[in-house]
Amino acid sequence: MTSLLCCYRNIGNQWLILRCCGPGDFFLERVVFPFELLTFACPADAEVKIWHLDGAGPTLVDCCLAEAMLCGDAPEERAVAELGSSQS
């Protein structure tokens, strides 16, 4: 199984929950605080979902394959392309 090094930066002002599910028993769930950069390893065909929790309950912010979240050479400078752009 190929493993990917991925990163996600929360560019919003509220904390989010990142859930990554892959083949077999792979599961990763982390709270990502505002402006935090989370780096994680996961299987190549894993799916990543970003959730926001508010008074109305959990809301799915975005969903993509882990391949879309690959870390570049300088992840500190990398803004998350599609993910996070829809949050307030």
C-alpha atoms as a PDB file:
ATOM      1  CA  MET A   1       0.000   0.000   0.000  1.00  0.00           C
ATOM      2  CA  THR A   2       1.418   3.365  -1.071  1.00  0.00           C
ATOM      3  CA  SER A   3       1.443   6.075   1.584  1.00  0.00           C
ATOM      4  CA  LEU A   4       1.087   9.798   0.853  1.00  0.00           C
ATOM      5  CA  LEU A   5       2.272  12.774   2.877  1.00  0.00           C
ATOM      6  CA  CYS A   6      -0.584  15.270   2.921  1.00  0.00           C
ATOM      7  CA  CYS A   7      -1.217  18.629   4.539  1.00  0.00           C
ATOM      8  CA  TYR A   8      -4.194  20.818   5.305  1.00  0.00           C
ATOM      9  CA  ARG A   9      -4.157  24.411   6.534  1.00  0.00           C
ATOM     10  CA  ASN A  10      -7.236  25.766   8.272  1.00  0.00           C
ATOM     11  CA  ILE A  11      -7.457  29.287   6.874  1.00  0.00           C
ATOM     12  CA  GLY A  12     -10.692  30.064   8.712  1.00  0.00           C
ATOM     13  CA  ASN A  13     -11.250  31.435  12.204  1.00  0.00           C
ATOM     14  CA  GLN A  14     -13.077  28.383  13.621  1.00  0.00           C
ATOM     15  CA  TRP A  15     -11.793  24.903  14.344  1.00  0.00           C
ATOM     16  CA  LEU A  16     -12.568  22.104  11.922  1.00  0.00           C
ATOM     17  CA  ILE A  17     -12.501  18.314  12.038  1.00  0.00           C
ATOM     18  CA  LEU A  18     -10.491  16.422   9.422  1.00  0.00           C
ATOM     19  CA  ARG A  19     -11.505  12.798   8.869  1.00  0.00           C
ATOM     20  CA  CYS A  20      -9.485  10.574   6.587  1.00  0.00           C
ATOM     21  CA  CYS A  21     -10.774   7.090   5.722  1.00  0.00           C
ATOM     22  CA  GLY A  22      -8.834   4.613   3.664  1.00  0.00           C
ATOM     23  CA  PRO A  23      -8.880   0.975   2.735  1.00  0.00           C
ATOM     24  CA  GLY A  24      -9.081  -1.655   5.428  1.00  0.00           C
ATOM     25  CA  ASP A  25      -9.084  -0.258   8.932  1.00  0.00           C
ATOM     26  CA  PHE A  26      -7.316   3.050   8.190  1.00  0.00           C
ATOM     27  CA  PHE A  27      -8.995   5.981   9.944  1.00  0.00           C
ATOM     28  CA  LEU A  28      -7.603   9.334  11.069  1.00  0.00           C
ATOM     29  CA  GLU A  29      -9.548  12.090  12.806  1.00  0.00           C
ATOM     30  CA  ARG A  30      -7.994  15.343  14.001  1.00  0.00           C
ATOM     31  CA  VAL A  31      -9.195  18.742  15.185  1.00  0.00           C
ATOM     32  CA  VAL A  32      -7.541  21.492  13.135  1.00  0.00           C
ATOM     33  CA  PHE A  33      -7.410  24.845  14.905  1.00  0.00           C
ATOM     34  CA  PRO A  34      -7.585  28.189  13.077  1.00  0.00           C
ATOM     35  CA  PHE A  35      -4.432  28.867  11.029  1.00  0.00           C
ATOM     36  CA  GLU A  36      -2.965  25.474  11.986  1.00  0.00           C
ATOM     37  CA  LEU A  37      -1.122  23.376   9.399  1.00  0.00           C
ATOM     38  CA  LEU A  38      -1.824  19.662   9.843  1.00  0.00           C
ATOM     39  CA  THR A  39       0.546  17.200   8.167  1.00  0.00           C
ATOM     40  CA  PHE A  40      -0.442  13.545   8.008  1.00  0.00           C
ATOM     41  CA  ALA A  41       0.328  10.294   6.194  1.00  0.00           C
ATOM     42  CA  CYS A  42      -2.433   8.195   4.666  1.00  0.00           C
ATOM     43  CA  PRO A  43      -3.025   5.561   1.978  1.00  0.00           C
ATOM     44  CA  ALA A  44      -3.011   6.835  -1.605  1.00  0.00           C
ATOM     45  CA  ASP A  45      -6.686   6.065  -2.188  1.00  0.00           C
ATOM     46  CA  ALA A  46      -7.973   7.548   1.078  1.00  0.00           C
ATOM     47  CA  GLU A  47     -10.852  10.020   1.175  1.00  0.00           C
ATOM     48  CA  VAL A  48     -10.617  13.200   3.260  1.00  0.00           C
ATOM     49  CA  LYS A  49     -13.632  15.030   4.650  1.00  0.00           C
ATOM     50  CA  ILE A  50     -13.559  18.380   6.440  1.00  0.00           C
ATOM     51  CA  TRP A  51     -16.343  19.048   8.928  1.00  0.00           C
ATOM     52  CA  HIS A  52     -17.432  22.153  10.845  1.00  0.00           C
ATOM     53  CA  LEU A  53     -19.425  21.798  14.054  1.00  0.00           C
ATOM     54  CA  ASP A  54     -21.894  24.497  15.075  1.00  0.00           C
ATOM     55  CA  GLY A  55     -25.144  24.785  17.012  1.00  0.00           C
ATOM     56  CA  ALA A  56     -27.081  23.083  14.219  1.00  0.00           C
ATOM     57  CA  GLY A  57     -24.758  20.066  14.235  1.00  0.00           C
ATOM     58  CA  PRO A  58     -21.970  18.889  11.950  1.00  0.00           C
ATOM     59  CA  THR A  59     -21.726  20.391   8.461  1.00  0.00           C
ATOM     60  CA  LEU A  60     -19.620  18.903   5.685  1.00  0.00           C
ATOM     61  CA  VAL A  61     -17.346  21.680   4.417  1.00  0.00           C
ATOM     62  CA  ASP A  62     -15.481  19.742   1.732  1.00  0.00           C
ATOM     63  CA  CYS A  63     -14.518  16.286   0.522  1.00  0.00           C
ATOM     64  CA  CYS A  64     -11.680  15.097  -1.739  1.00  0.00           C
ATOM     65  CA  LEU A  65      -9.190  12.318  -2.351  1.00  0.00           C
ATOM     66  CA  ALA A  66      -5.961  12.484  -0.372  1.00  0.00           C
ATOM     67  CA  GLU A  67      -4.015  12.972  -3.622  1.00  0.00           C
ATOM     68  CA  ALA A  68      -5.471  16.499  -3.811  1.00  0.00           C
ATOM     69  CA  MET A  69      -3.805  17.377  -0.490  1.00  0.00           C
ATOM     70  CA  LEU A  70      -0.209  16.370  -1.227  1.00  0.00           C
ATOM     71  CA  CYS A  71       2.392  18.457   0.578  1.00  0.00           C
ATOM     72  CA  GLY A  72       4.685  20.493  -1.632  1.00  0.00           C
ATOM     73  CA  ASP A  73       8.318  21.294  -1.011  1.00  0.00           C
ATOM     74  CA  ALA A  74       7.369  24.132   1.346  1.00  0.00           C
ATOM     75  CA  PRO A  75       4.019  23.279   3.000  1.00  0.00           C
ATOM     76  CA  GLU A  76       4.195  26.402   5.189  1.00  0.00           C
ATOM     77  CA  GLU A  77       3.761  28.510   2.053  1.00  0.00           C
ATOM     78  CA  ARG A  78       1.125  26.298   0.492  1.00  0.00           C
ATOM     79  CA  ALA A  79      -2.441  27.487   0.755  1.00  0.00           C
ATOM     80  CA  VAL A  80      -4.972  24.714   0.501  1.00  0.00           C
ATOM     81  CA  ALA A  81      -6.176  24.811  -3.089  1.00  0.00           C
ATOM     82  CA  GLU A  82      -9.824  23.793  -3.037  1.00  0.00           C
ATOM     83  CA  LEU A  83     -10.308  22.851   0.594  1.00  0.00           C
ATOM     84  CA  GLY A  84     -10.991  25.597   3.059  1.00  0.00           C
ATOM     85  CA  SER A  85     -11.922  28.143   0.414  1.00  0.00           C
ATOM     86  CA  SER A  86     -15.631  27.717   1.165  1.00  0.00           C
ATOM     87  CA  GLN A  87     -15.392  28.307   4.911  1.00  0.00           C
ATOM     88  CA  SER A  88     -16.035  31.673   6.515  1.00  0.00           C
END
